[in-house]
Amino acid sequence: AGEGSTFAIVPLVKRRVTGQIAGNVGAYGNVGAVAYLTLYSLLPEGQVGNAIFFQTLGIGSLIVAFLCWFFLKEPKGSFSAHHEGEETNMEIQQPTLPAMLAYEQEQE
C-alpha cells in the first residue's frame, strides 16, 4: 500500500521527466525499505520497539520534508526556458457524449 501511494504521485510531476521520477521512486523506495526493515529488525519486540520505529519514521519524514522545502529548487538551465509554462498551456478536453457512445460501440 505504501509503494502504491508513492507511485501515485509520479504522474503529477512534469510530463517530460515522468520516467526519471518513476525510476528514482522505485530505486530509492527499495533503499528505504531495506534501511527501515533493518532498523525494525534491530529494535526490541513489542510496543516499545513499535513506538520507536514509528517515531523514527515520522521524524525521518519530517526531516526529509524540511530539506526538500528549503533546499530542493527547480533546476534552471538548458531546457527550462523551453518548457516553461507548458503544463499551464495544455487544454484538457472532456469527452463528448457522441464520442463516448462511439467508443462503447467499438468495444462491443
PDB file of N, CA and C in Angstrom:
ATOM      1  N   ALA A   1       0.818  -1.191   0.000  1.00  0.00           N
ATOM      2  CA  ALA A   1       0.000   0.000   0.000  1.00  0.00           C
ATOM      3  C   ALA A   1       0.859   1.250   0.000  1.00  0.00           C
ATOM      4  N   GLY A   2       1.959   1.212   0.711  1.00  0.00           N
ATOM      5  CA  GLY A   2       2.827   2.384   0.788  1.00  0.00           C
ATOM      6  C   GLY A   2       3.490   2.694  -0.536  1.00  0.00           C
ATOM      7  N   GLU A   3       3.927   1.660  -1.237  1.00  0.00           N
ATOM      8  CA  GLU A   3       4.590   1.889  -2.510  1.00  0.00           C
ATOM      9  C   GLU A   3       3.601   2.374  -3.560  1.00  0.00           C
ATOM     10  N   GLY A   4       2.383   1.872  -3.515  1.00  0.00           N
ATOM     11  CA  GLY A   4       1.360   2.323  -4.457  1.00  0.00           C
ATOM     12  C   GLY A   4       1.024   3.790  -4.282  1.00  0.00           C
ATOM     13  N   SER A   5       0.959   4.230  -3.042  1.00  0.00           N
ATOM     14  CA  SER A   5       0.664   5.644  -2.809  1.00  0.00           C
ATOM     15  C   SER A   5       1.822   6.524  -3.245  1.00  0.00           C
ATOM     16  N   THR A   6       3.038   6.013  -3.125  1.00  0.00           N
ATOM     17  CA  THR A   6       4.197   6.780  -3.584  1.00  0.00           C
ATOM     18  C   THR A   6       4.198   6.882  -5.100  1.00  0.00           C
ATOM     19  N   PHE A   7       3.927   5.782  -5.788  1.00  0.00           N
ATOM     20  CA  PHE A   7       3.895   5.813  -7.247  1.00  0.00           C
ATOM     21  C   PHE A   7       2.700   6.599  -7.776  1.00  0.00           C
ATOM     22  N   ALA A   8       1.676   6.812  -6.982  1.00  0.00           N
ATOM     23  CA  ALA A   8       0.519   7.589  -7.422  1.00  0.00           C
ATOM     24  C   ALA A   8       0.875   9.051  -7.646  1.00  0.00           C
ATOM     25  N   ILE A   9       1.944   9.513  -7.032  1.00  0.00           N
ATOM     26  CA  ILE A   9       2.362  10.905  -7.171  1.00  0.00           C
ATOM     27  C   ILE A   9       3.121  11.127  -8.477  1.00  0.00           C
ATOM     28  N   VAL A  10       3.713  10.084  -9.043  1.00  0.00           N
ATOM     29  CA  VAL A  10       4.580  10.222 -10.213  1.00  0.00           C
ATOM     30  C   VAL A  10       3.898  10.923 -11.388  1.00  0.00           C
ATOM     31  N   PRO A  11       2.656  10.616 -11.779  1.00  0.00           N
ATOM     32  CA  PRO A  11       2.055  11.321 -12.917  1.00  0.00           C
ATOM     33  C   PRO A  11       1.814  12.808 -12.670  1.00  0.00           C
ATOM     34  N   LEU A  12       1.856  13.236 -11.432  1.00  0.00           N
ATOM     35  CA  LEU A  12       1.626  14.645 -11.131  1.00  0.00           C
ATOM     36  C   LEU A  12       2.868  15.498 -11.353  1.00  0.00           C
ATOM     37  N   VAL A  13       4.000  14.859 -11.581  1.00  0.00           N
ATOM     38  CA  VAL A  13       5.248  15.569 -11.837  1.00  0.00           C
ATOM     39  C   VAL A  13       5.246  15.974 -13.307  1.00  0.00           C
ATOM     40  N   LYS A  14       6.138  16.872 -13.698  1.00  0.00           N
ATOM     41  CA  LYS A  14       6.203  17.316 -15.094  1.00  0.00           C
ATOM     42  C   LYS A  14       6.284  16.126 -16.040  1.00  0.00           C
ATOM     43  N   ARG A  15       5.553  16.198 -17.124  1.00  0.00           N
ATOM     44  CA  ARG A  15       5.456  15.072 -18.054  1.00  0.00           C
ATOM     45  C   ARG A  15       6.800  14.686 -18.654  1.00  0.00           C
ATOM     46  N   ARG A  16       7.660  15.626 -18.897  1.00  0.00           N
ATOM     47  CA  ARG A  16       8.911  15.308 -19.580  1.00  0.00           C
ATOM     48  C   ARG A  16       9.889  14.552 -18.706  1.00  0.00           C
ATOM     49  N   VAL A  17       9.687  14.521 -17.406  1.00  0.00           N
ATOM     50  CA  VAL A  17      10.597  13.801 -16.517  1.00  0.00           C
ATOM     51  C   VAL A  17       9.883  12.686 -15.753  1.00  0.00           C
ATOM     52  N   THR A  18       8.727  12.263 -16.227  1.00  0.00           N
ATOM     53  CA  THR A  18       7.963  11.239 -15.518  1.00  0.00           C
ATOM     54  C   THR A  18       8.744   9.934 -15.422  1.00  0.00           C
ATOM     55  N   GLY A  19       9.421   9.530 -16.473  1.00  0.00           N
ATOM     56  CA  GLY A  19      10.199   8.291 -16.446  1.00  0.00           C
ATOM     57  C   GLY A  19      11.341   8.347 -15.456  1.00  0.00           C
ATOM     58  N   GLN A  20      12.029   9.471 -15.404  1.00  0.00           N
ATOM     59  CA  GLN A  20      13.129   9.617 -14.449  1.00  0.00           C
ATOM     60  C   GLN A  20      12.613   9.576 -13.020  1.00  0.00           C
ATOM     61  N   ILE A  21      11.502  10.229 -12.778  1.00  0.00           N
ATOM     62  CA  ILE A  21      10.934  10.238 -11.428  1.00  0.00           C
ATOM     63  C   ILE A  21      10.470   8.837 -11.042  1.00  0.00           C
ATOM     64  N   ALA A  22       9.846   8.118 -11.959  1.00  0.00           N
ATOM     65  CA  ALA A  22       9.399   6.752 -11.659  1.00  0.00           C
ATOM     66  C   ALA A  22      10.584   5.855 -11.330  1.00  0.00           C
ATOM     67  N   GLY A  23      11.685   6.012 -12.054  1.00  0.00           N
ATOM     68  CA  GLY A  23      12.893   5.239 -11.754  1.00  0.00           C
ATOM     69  C   GLY A  23      13.454   5.552 -10.387  1.00  0.00           C
ATOM     70  N   ASN A  24      13.501   6.831 -10.056  1.00  0.00           N
ATOM     71  CA  ASN A  24      14.012   7.217  -8.739  1.00  0.00           C
ATOM     72  C   ASN A  24      13.100   6.746  -7.617  1.00  0.00           C
ATOM     73  N   VAL A  25      11.798   6.832  -7.817  1.00  0.00           N
ATOM     74  CA  VAL A  25      10.861   6.367  -6.788  1.00  0.00           C
ATOM     75  C   VAL A  25      11.050   4.872  -6.554  1.00  0.00           C
ATOM     76  N   GLY A  26      11.196   4.117  -7.634  1.00  0.00           N
ATOM     77  CA  GLY A  26      11.403   2.679  -7.485  1.00  0.00           C
ATOM     78  C   GLY A  26      12.716   2.342  -6.808  1.00  0.00           C
ATOM     79  N   ALA A  27      13.789   2.996  -7.235  1.00  0.00           N
ATOM     80  CA  ALA A  27      15.108   2.689  -6.679  1.00  0.00           C
ATOM     81  C   ALA A  27      15.226   3.119  -5.226  1.00  0.00           C
ATOM     82  N   TYR A  28      14.892   4.358  -4.939  1.00  0.00           N
ATOM     83  CA  TYR A  28      15.052   4.842  -3.569  1.00  0.00           C
ATOM     84  C   TYR A  28      13.971   4.303  -2.644  1.00  0.00           C
ATOM     85  N   GLY A  29      12.852   3.876  -3.188  1.00  0.00           N
ATOM     86  CA  GLY A  29      11.857   3.200  -2.369  1.00  0.00           C
ATOM     87  C   GLY A  29      12.387   1.884  -1.848  1.00  0.00           C
ATOM     88  N   ASN A  30      13.120   1.164  -2.701  1.00  0.00           N
ATOM     89  CA  ASN A  30      13.722  -0.095  -2.257  1.00  0.00           C
ATOM     90  C   ASN A  30      14.826   0.146  -1.242  1.00  0.00           C
ATOM     91  N   VAL A  31      15.620   1.186  -1.431  1.00  0.00           N
ATOM     92  CA  VAL A  31      16.671   1.515  -0.460  1.00  0.00           C
ATOM     93  C   VAL A  31      16.047   1.848   0.889  1.00  0.00           C
ATOM     94  N   GLY A  32      14.999   2.644   0.880  1.00  0.00           N
ATOM     95  CA  GLY A  32      14.323   2.983   2.127  1.00  0.00           C
ATOM     96  C   GLY A  32      13.697   1.769   2.787  1.00  0.00           C
ATOM     97  N   ALA A  33      13.133   0.879   1.971  1.00  0.00           N
ATOM     98  CA  ALA A  33      12.527  -0.333   2.532  1.00  0.00           C
ATOM     99  C   ALA A  33      13.568  -1.191   3.230  1.00  0.00           C
ATOM    100  N   VAL A  34      14.727  -1.356   2.623  1.00  0.00           N
ATOM    101  CA  VAL A  34      15.788  -2.153   3.245  1.00  0.00           C
ATOM    102  C   VAL A  34      16.293  -1.474   4.510  1.00  0.00           C
ATOM    103  N   ALA A  35      16.488  -0.163   4.453  1.00  0.00           N
ATOM    104  CA  ALA A  35      17.011   0.554   5.625  1.00  0.00           C
ATOM    105  C   ALA A  35      16.034   0.484   6.798  1.00  0.00           C
ATOM    106  N   TYR A  36      14.767   0.752   6.552  1.00  0.00           N
ATOM    107  CA  TYR A  36      13.799   0.745   7.650  1.00  0.00           C
ATOM    108  C   TYR A  36      13.487  -0.667   8.138  1.00  0.00           C
ATOM    109  N   LEU A  37      13.521  -1.653   7.241  1.00  0.00           N
ATOM    110  CA  LEU A  37      13.302  -3.028   7.681  1.00  0.00           C
ATOM    111  C   LEU A  37      14.470  -3.512   8.540  1.00  0.00           C
ATOM    112  N   THR A  38      15.689  -3.097   8.186  1.00  0.00           N
ATOM    113  CA  THR A  38      16.847  -3.426   9.016  1.00  0.00           C
ATOM    114  C   THR A  38      16.717  -2.776  10.385  1.00  0.00           C
ATOM    115  N   LEU A  39      16.323  -1.518  10.418  1.00  0.00           N
ATOM    116  CA  LEU A  39      16.117  -0.833  11.697  1.00  0.00           C
ATOM    117  C   LEU A  39      15.046  -1.543  12.521  1.00  0.00           C
ATOM    118  N   TYR A  40      13.959  -1.932  11.872  1.00  0.00           N
ATOM    119  CA  TYR A  40      12.863  -2.599  12.587  1.00  0.00           C
ATOM    120  C   TYR A  40      13.307  -3.946  13.165  1.00  0.00           C
ATOM    121  N   SER A  41      14.166  -4.655  12.429  1.00  0.00           N
ATOM    122  CA  SER A  41      14.623  -5.955  12.926  1.00  0.00           C
ATOM    123  C   SER A  41      15.595  -5.816  14.092  1.00  0.00           C
ATOM    124  N   LEU A  42      16.254  -4.671  14.229  1.00  0.00           N
ATOM    125  CA  LEU A  42      17.207  -4.459  15.318  1.00  0.00           C
ATOM    126  C   LEU A  42      16.546  -3.946  16.592  1.00  0.00           C
ATOM    127  N   LEU A  43      15.328  -3.461  16.504  1.00  0.00           N
ATOM    128  CA  LEU A  43      14.630  -2.924  17.676  1.00  0.00           C
ATOM    129  C   LEU A  43      14.025  -4.055  18.502  1.00  0.00           C
ATOM    130  N   PRO A  44      13.788  -3.807  19.790  1.00  0.00           N
ATOM    131  CA  PRO A  44      13.162  -4.847  20.621  1.00  0.00           C
ATOM    132  C   PRO A  44      11.718  -5.100  20.188  1.00  0.00           C
ATOM    133  N   GLU A  45      11.261  -6.320  20.406  1.00  0.00           N
ATOM    134  CA  GLU A  45       9.892  -6.677  20.037  1.00  0.00           C
ATOM    135  C   GLU A  45       8.901  -6.078  21.021  1.00  0.00           C
ATOM    136  N   GLY A  46       7.677  -5.885  20.552  1.00  0.00           N
ATOM    137  CA  GLY A  46       6.626  -5.389  21.428  1.00  0.00           C
ATOM    138  C   GLY A  46       6.297  -3.931  21.181  1.00  0.00           C
ATOM    139  N   GLN A  47       5.544  -3.363  22.110  1.00  0.00           N
ATOM    140  CA  GLN A  47       5.054  -1.990  21.992  1.00  0.00           C
ATOM    141  C   GLN A  47       6.188  -0.978  21.976  1.00  0.00           C
ATOM    142  N   VAL A  48       7.214  -1.203  22.767  1.00  0.00           N
ATOM    143  CA  VAL A  48       8.324  -0.241  22.838  1.00  0.00           C
ATOM    144  C   VAL A  48       9.051  -0.170  21.501  1.00  0.00           C
ATOM    145  N   GLY A  49       9.350  -1.312  20.918  1.00  0.00           N
ATOM    146  CA  GLY A  49      10.020  -1.336  19.619  1.00  0.00           C
ATOM    147  C   GLY A  49       9.174  -0.715  18.529  1.00  0.00           C
ATOM    148  N   ASN A  50       7.879  -1.007  18.543  1.00  0.00           N
ATOM    149  CA  ASN A  50       6.977  -0.414  17.549  1.00  0.00           C
ATOM    150  C   ASN A  50       6.896   1.100  17.701  1.00  0.00           C
ATOM    151  N   ALA A  51       6.835   1.574  18.930  1.00  0.00           N
ATOM    152  CA  ALA A  51       6.767   3.022  19.166  1.00  0.00           C
ATOM    153  C   ALA A  51       8.033   3.708  18.667  1.00  0.00           C
ATOM    154  N   ILE A  52       9.187   3.129  18.959  1.00  0.00           N
ATOM    155  CA  ILE A  52      10.454   3.711  18.493  1.00  0.00           C
ATOM    156  C   ILE A  52      10.498   3.713  16.967  1.00  0.00           C
ATOM    157  N   PHE A  53      10.073   2.620  16.362  1.00  0.00           N
ATOM    158  CA  PHE A  53      10.111   2.510  14.906  1.00  0.00           C
ATOM    159  C   PHE A  53       9.243   3.568  14.236  1.00  0.00           C
ATOM    160  N   PHE A  54       8.007   3.709  14.686  1.00  0.00           N
ATOM    161  CA  PHE A  54       7.109   4.666  14.035  1.00  0.00           C
ATOM    162  C   PHE A  54       7.482   6.111  14.351  1.00  0.00           C
ATOM    163  N   GLN A  55       8.075   6.351  15.500  1.00  0.00           N
ATOM    164  CA  GLN A  55       8.598   7.690  15.781  1.00  0.00           C
ATOM    165  C   GLN A  55       9.768   7.996  14.857  1.00  0.00           C
ATOM    166  N   THR A  56      10.612   6.994  14.607  1.00  0.00           N
ATOM    167  CA  THR A  56      11.729   7.176  13.680  1.00  0.00           C
ATOM    168  C   THR A  56      11.217   7.460  12.271  1.00  0.00           C
ATOM    169  N   LEU A  57      10.183   6.740  11.837  1.00  0.00           N
ATOM    170  CA  LEU A  57       9.584   7.006  10.524  1.00  0.00           C
ATOM    171  C   LEU A  57       9.060   8.439  10.430  1.00  0.00           C
ATOM    172  N   GLY A  58       8.345   8.872  11.449  1.00  0.00           N
ATOM    173  CA  GLY A  58       7.779  10.223  11.449  1.00  0.00           C
ATOM    174  C   GLY A  58       8.842  11.299  11.459  1.00  0.00           C
ATOM    175  N   ILE A  59       9.841  11.135  12.307  1.00  0.00           N
ATOM    176  CA  ILE A  59      10.913  12.130  12.386  1.00  0.00           C
ATOM    177  C   ILE A  59      11.705  12.158  11.086  1.00  0.00           C
ATOM    178  N   GLY A  60      11.969  10.978  10.515  1.00  0.00           N
ATOM    179  CA  GLY A  60      12.683  10.925   9.236  1.00  0.00           C
ATOM    180  C   GLY A  60      11.923  11.622   8.125  1.00  0.00           C
ATOM    181  N   SER A  61      10.615  11.415   8.074  1.00  0.00           N
ATOM    182  CA  SER A  61       9.824  12.074   7.028  1.00  0.00           C
ATOM    183  C   SER A  61       9.760  13.581   7.234  1.00  0.00           C
ATOM    184  N   LEU A  62       9.709  14.030   8.478  1.00  0.00           N
ATOM    185  CA  LEU A  62       9.732  15.476   8.737  1.00  0.00           C
ATOM    186  C   LEU A  62      11.062  16.096   8.328  1.00  0.00           C
ATOM    187  N   ILE A  63      12.153  15.399   8.598  1.00  0.00           N
ATOM    188  CA  ILE A  63      13.477  15.908   8.213  1.00  0.00           C
ATOM    189  C   ILE A  63      13.591  15.993   6.695  1.00  0.00           C
ATOM    190  N   VAL A  64      13.152  14.948   5.994  1.00  0.00           N
ATOM    191  CA  VAL A  64      13.225  14.959   4.532  1.00  0.00           C
ATOM    192  C   VAL A  64      12.324  16.043   3.948  1.00  0.00           C
ATOM    193  N   ALA A  65      11.134  16.214   4.496  1.00  0.00           N
ATOM    194  CA  ALA A  65      10.237  17.273   4.019  1.00  0.00           C
ATOM    195  C   ALA A  65      10.855  18.650   4.243  1.00  0.00           C
ATOM    196  N   PHE A  66      11.486  18.851   5.393  1.00  0.00           N
ATOM    197  CA  PHE A  66      12.154  20.123   5.679  1.00  0.00           C
ATOM    198  C   PHE A  66      13.278  20.377   4.681  1.00  0.00           C
ATOM    199  N   LEU A  67      14.104  19.365   4.434  1.00  0.00           N
ATOM    200  CA  LEU A  67      15.216  19.530   3.495  1.00  0.00           C
ATOM    201  C   LEU A  67      14.712  19.813   2.084  1.00  0.00           C
ATOM    202  N   CYS A  68      13.664  19.120   1.658  1.00  0.00           N
ATOM    203  CA  CYS A  68      13.110  19.363   0.325  1.00  0.00           C
ATOM    204  C   CYS A  68      12.509  20.757   0.221  1.00  0.00           C
ATOM    205  N   TRP A  69      11.841  21.196   1.272  1.00  0.00           N
ATOM    206  CA  TRP A  69      11.185  22.501   1.263  1.00  0.00           C
ATOM    207  C   TRP A  69      12.192  23.631   1.083  1.00  0.00           C
ATOM    208  N   PHE A  70      13.326  23.537   1.752  1.00  0.00           N
ATOM    209  CA  PHE A  70      14.269  24.645   1.748  1.00  0.00           C
ATOM    210  C   PHE A  70      15.414  24.497   0.756  1.00  0.00           C
ATOM    211  N   PHE A  71      15.790  23.284   0.401  1.00  0.00           N
ATOM    212  CA  PHE A  71      16.988  23.115  -0.408  1.00  0.00           C
ATOM    213  C   PHE A  71      16.739  22.576  -1.807  1.00  0.00           C
ATOM    214  N   LEU A  72      15.582  22.008  -2.082  1.00  0.00           N
ATOM    215  CA  LEU A  72      15.296  21.463  -3.397  1.00  0.00           C
ATOM    216  C   LEU A  72      14.684  22.559  -4.262  1.00  0.00           C
ATOM    217  N   LYS A  73      15.404  22.981  -5.259  1.00  0.00           N
ATOM    218  CA  LYS A  73      14.945  24.053  -6.143  1.00  0.00           C
ATOM    219  C   LYS A  73      14.735  23.501  -7.550  1.00  0.00           C
ATOM    220  N   GLU A  74      13.821  24.107  -8.267  1.00  0.00           N
ATOM    221  CA  GLU A  74      13.594  23.735  -9.659  1.00  0.00           C
ATOM    222  C   GLU A  74      14.830  24.096 -10.463  1.00  0.00           C
ATOM    223  N   PRO A  75      15.397  23.140 -11.192  1.00  0.00           N
ATOM    224  CA  PRO A  75      16.614  23.447 -11.943  1.00  0.00           C
ATOM    225  C   PRO A  75      16.340  24.431 -13.076  1.00  0.00           C
ATOM    226  N   LYS A  76      17.168  25.411 -13.173  1.00  0.00           N
ATOM    227  CA  LYS A  76      17.116  26.364 -14.276  1.00  0.00           C
ATOM    228  C   LYS A  76      18.338  26.102 -15.135  1.00  0.00           C
ATOM    229  N   GLY A  77      18.130  26.003 -16.423  1.00  0.00           N
ATOM    230  CA  GLY A  77      19.289  25.697 -17.237  1.00  0.00           C
ATOM    231  C   GLY A  77      18.920  25.480 -18.680  1.00  0.00           C
ATOM    232  N   SER A  78      19.473  24.420 -19.244  1.00  0.00           N
ATOM    233  CA  SER A  78      19.443  24.228 -20.677  1.00  0.00           C
ATOM    234  C   SER A  78      18.032  24.167 -21.272  1.00  0.00           C
ATOM    235  N   PHE A  79      17.103  23.455 -20.655  1.00  0.00           N
ATOM    236  CA  PHE A  79      15.793  23.291 -21.263  1.00  0.00           C
ATOM    237  C   PHE A  79      14.664  23.916 -20.461  1.00  0.00           C
ATOM    238  N   SER A  80      14.957  24.539 -19.347  1.00  0.00           N
ATOM    239  CA  SER A  80      13.872  25.053 -18.509  1.00  0.00           C
ATOM    240  C   SER A  80      13.112  26.187 -19.197  1.00  0.00           C
ATOM    241  N   ALA A  81      13.801  27.041 -19.938  1.00  0.00           N
ATOM    242  CA  ALA A  81      13.118  28.144 -20.618  1.00  0.00           C
ATOM    243  C   ALA A  81      12.209  27.614 -21.732  1.00  0.00           C
ATOM    244  N   HIS A  82      12.651  26.538 -22.377  1.00  0.00           N
ATOM    245  CA  HIS A  82      11.859  25.956 -23.463  1.00  0.00           C
ATOM    246  C   HIS A  82      10.557  25.352 -22.941  1.00  0.00           C
ATOM    247  N   HIS A  83      10.604  24.738 -21.765  1.00  0.00           N
ATOM    248  CA  HIS A  83       9.431  24.057 -21.210  1.00  0.00           C
ATOM    249  C   HIS A  83       8.679  24.899 -20.194  1.00  0.00           C
ATOM    250  N   GLU A  84       9.057  26.137 -20.020  1.00  0.00           N
ATOM    251  CA  GLU A  84       8.416  27.000 -19.022  1.00  0.00           C
ATOM    252  C   GLU A  84       6.937  27.172 -19.336  1.00  0.00           C
ATOM    253  N   GLY A  85       6.085  26.824 -18.413  1.00  0.00           N
ATOM    254  CA  GLY A  85       4.655  27.023 -18.550  1.00  0.00           C
ATOM    255  C   GLY A  85       3.933  26.041 -19.443  1.00  0.00           C
ATOM    256  N   GLU A  86       4.585  24.942 -19.829  1.00  0.00           N
ATOM    257  CA  GLU A  86       3.919  24.012 -20.741  1.00  0.00           C
ATOM    258  C   GLU A  86       2.732  23.307 -20.081  1.00  0.00           C
ATOM    259  N   GLU A  87       2.779  23.146 -18.767  1.00  0.00           N
ATOM    260  CA  GLU A  87       1.669  22.497 -18.087  1.00  0.00           C
ATOM    261  C   GLU A  87       0.439  23.396 -18.055  1.00  0.00           C
ATOM    262  N   THR A  88       0.642  24.699 -17.986  1.00  0.00           N
ATOM    263  CA  THR A  88      -0.496  25.609 -17.897  1.00  0.00           C
ATOM    264  C   THR A  88      -1.124  25.887 -19.257  1.00  0.00           C
ATOM    265  N   ASN A  89      -0.381  25.669 -20.344  1.00  0.00           N
ATOM    266  CA  ASN A  89      -0.911  25.954 -21.672  1.00  0.00           C
ATOM    267  C   ASN A  89      -1.711  24.797 -22.252  1.00  0.00           C
ATOM    268  N   MET A  90      -1.636  23.642 -21.639  1.00  0.00           N
ATOM    269  CA  MET A  90      -2.343  22.482 -22.162  1.00  0.00           C
ATOM    270  C   MET A  90      -3.827  22.582 -21.817  1.00  0.00           C
ATOM    271  N   GLU A  91      -4.654  22.305 -22.797  1.00  0.00           N
ATOM    272  CA  GLU A  91      -6.091  22.327 -22.579  1.00  0.00           C
ATOM    273  C   GLU A  91      -6.570  20.904 -22.306  1.00  0.00           C
ATOM    274  N   ILE A  92      -7.423  20.763 -21.343  1.00  0.00           N
ATOM    275  CA  ILE A  92      -7.988  19.459 -21.028  1.00  0.00           C
ATOM    276  C   ILE A  92      -9.280  19.312 -21.812  1.00  0.00           C
ATOM    277  N   GLN A  93      -9.351  18.280 -22.625  1.00  0.00           N
ATOM    278  CA  GLN A  93     -10.532  18.062 -23.445  1.00  0.00           C
ATOM    279  C   GLN A  93     -11.409  17.011 -22.781  1.00  0.00           C
ATOM    280  N   GLN A  94     -12.633  17.386 -22.500  1.00  0.00           N
ATOM    281  CA  GLN A  94     -13.594  16.455 -21.931  1.00  0.00           C
ATOM    282  C   GLN A  94     -14.236  15.673 -23.073  1.00  0.00           C
ATOM    283  N   PRO A  95     -14.397  14.369 -22.907  1.00  0.00           N
ATOM    284  CA  PRO A  95     -15.040  13.598 -23.977  1.00  0.00           C
ATOM    285  C   PRO A  95     -16.508  13.990 -24.119  1.00  0.00           C
ATOM    286  N   THR A  96     -16.942  14.081 -25.364  1.00  0.00           N
ATOM    287  CA  THR A  96     -18.341  14.416 -25.626  1.00  0.00           C
ATOM    288  C   THR A  96     -19.175  13.138 -25.619  1.00  0.00           C
ATOM    289  N   LEU A  97     -20.461  13.291 -25.478  1.00  0.00           N
ATOM    290  CA  LEU A  97     -21.356  12.131 -25.435  1.00  0.00           C
ATOM    291  C   LEU A  97     -21.297  11.314 -26.726  1.00  0.00           C
ATOM    292  N   PRO A  98     -21.326  11.939 -27.934  1.00  0.00           N
ATOM    293  CA  PRO A  98     -21.223  11.120 -29.153  1.00  0.00           C
ATOM    294  C   PRO A  98     -19.906  10.343 -29.225  1.00  0.00           C
ATOM    295  N   ALA A  99     -18.827  10.945 -28.773  1.00  0.00           N
ATOM    296  CA  ALA A  99     -17.542  10.244 -28.798  1.00  0.00           C
ATOM    297  C   ALA A  99     -17.542   9.071 -27.833  1.00  0.00           C
ATOM    298  N   MET A 100     -18.161   9.244 -26.674  1.00  0.00           N
ATOM    299  CA  MET A 100     -18.232   8.158 -25.700  1.00  0.00           C
ATOM    300  C   MET A 100     -19.100   7.016 -26.227  1.00  0.00           C
ATOM    301  N   LEU A 101     -20.210   7.351 -26.875  1.00  0.00           N
ATOM    302  CA  LEU A 101     -21.082   6.319 -27.437  1.00  0.00           C
ATOM    303  C   LEU A 101     -20.390   5.572 -28.567  1.00  0.00           C
ATOM    304  N   ALA A 102     -19.658   6.291 -29.408  1.00  0.00           N
ATOM    305  CA  ALA A 102     -18.926   5.645 -30.495  1.00  0.00           C
ATOM    306  C   ALA A 102     -17.855   4.713 -29.939  1.00  0.00           C
ATOM    307  N   TYR A 103     -17.201   5.117 -28.880  1.00  0.00           N
ATOM    308  CA  TYR A 103     -16.176   4.277 -28.258  1.00  0.00           C
ATOM    309  C   TYR A 103     -16.793   3.003 -27.692  1.00  0.00           C
ATOM    310  N   GLU A 104     -17.955   3.132 -27.049  1.00  0.00           N
ATOM    311  CA  GLU A 104     -18.631   1.960 -26.487  1.00  0.00           C
ATOM    312  C   GLU A 104     -19.070   0.999 -27.588  1.00  0.00           C
ATOM    313  N   GLN A 105     -19.498   1.534 -28.730  1.00  0.00           N
ATOM    314  CA  GLN A 105     -19.910   0.672 -29.835  1.00  0.00           C
ATOM    315  C   GLN A 105     -18.712  -0.057 -30.427  1.00  0.00           C
ATOM    316  N   GLU A 106     -17.550   0.588 -30.459  1.00  0.00           N
ATOM    317  CA  GLU A 106     -16.344  -0.064 -30.959  1.00  0.00           C
ATOM    318  C   GLU A 106     -15.923  -1.216 -30.062  1.00  0.00           C
ATOM    319  N   GLN A 107     -16.132  -1.064 -28.772  1.00  0.00           N
ATOM    320  CA  GLN A 107     -15.711  -2.086 -27.821  1.00  0.00           C
ATOM    321  C   GLN A 107     -16.600  -3.324 -27.868  1.00  0.00           C
ATOM    322  N   GLU A 108     -17.815  -3.188 -28.348  1.00  0.00           N
ATOM    323  CA  GLU A 108     -18.755  -4.323 -28.399  1.00  0.00           C
ATOM    324  C   GLU A 108     -18.491  -5.200 -29.543  1.00  0.00           C
TER     325      GLU A 108
END
